[in-house]
Amino acid sequence: MSPARRTALGLAATLLLAGIAAPLLPRWAGFLVTIAIAKALVALGLLLLMRTGLVSFGQGLYFAIGAYAAGVGADALEFTDAVPMVLLGAAAAGLVALVLGLLLARYRTIFFAMLSLAFSMILYGLLVQSSALGSTDGFNVAARTVFGLDVASPVGRFGVYGLAALVAFVGAVGIDRYLRSHLGRLAPAIRDNELRVEYMGASVRNVVHLHLVMAAVLAGAGGALTALAVGHVDPETAYWTTSGEFVFVAILSGTSSVAAPFAGALILELLRSFAYEHAPNTWQLVVGSVMLAVILFLPEGLWSVFRKRRRAAA
């Protein structure tokens, strides 16, 4: 069995288990998993950028655009189903990245990271000053149906959870197949030596631009899903701490597998929830200590543990 098919089957099995487990989970657990999936989608885009040698501290920009686009779709465009709201969020974020990428694709290292952060903070400032979008308070976001099912029904109340799982499956399989393609294999080559890639006849700037758009689409979908799960959106979605959290998840997970961001995001959400419950005044210290331990002992991320075991078994 090819690695691509094995990955797709593994993700499909996980999606099936998630669907079976949905009715058995308490509300808080379903909500936590949905938020973890949404944030993992952003980290999945970061995985693609990091494999290309780029670290973005501004993914909160696209995350916020996706969340606000979903809200505007429900309010101004009168969308009632969650599916078009998520699609609108992903498309809006991708369109913005298509434009900003013309500039961002020119830069590397710290210049790229800081420029992406600057755009995110510009959006944060605009949202805070925008009374039409609720200013600092934001506004509520809600969908009446998911896949045509009433969210108030016993089955429909798990709709956002199921939609998040489906988007995660499509996103992970899509990125996995892309990374195994000819164009996707250029990512580590660009990271290691851009000049040689240019000598091969490939345009580094075009590839980076494409990766920026793909990462933005994933972040936009994650933002829309978060807005639907929480039922509210505010400017904090574009703040630098939000972007930093996505980088945290990417580093915690590692970049060796498309499944890694989902495991890392779930571990982070569980860790933060239990740390806040048992140490509400020092939970940041607990999370920071775990991050430091991962960097020191597992510099390639938590997923490297599974990879090492697989190699040992082989």
Foldseek 3Di string as FASTA:
>chain_A
DDPLVVVLVVLVVVLVVLVVCLLVDDLVVLLLLLLLLLLLLLLLLQLLQVLLQAHALFLLQLLQQLQVQLQCCCPVVVAQELVVSLVRLLVRLLVVLLVCLVPLLVDHDPVSRVVSLVSLVVVLVVQLPDVVQPRQFGDFGEHQFYPNHGCPDSVGVSRLSSVSSVVLSVLQSVLVVLCVDPLNVCSNVNNVDVVVVVVVVDDSSVSSSVSSSSSSSSSSSSSSSNSHSVRGHGSVSSHSVVSVVSVLLNQQQANPGSCSSSVSSSVLSVLLVVLCVVPVPCSVVVSVVVSVVCCVPPRRHPCVVVVVVVVVVD
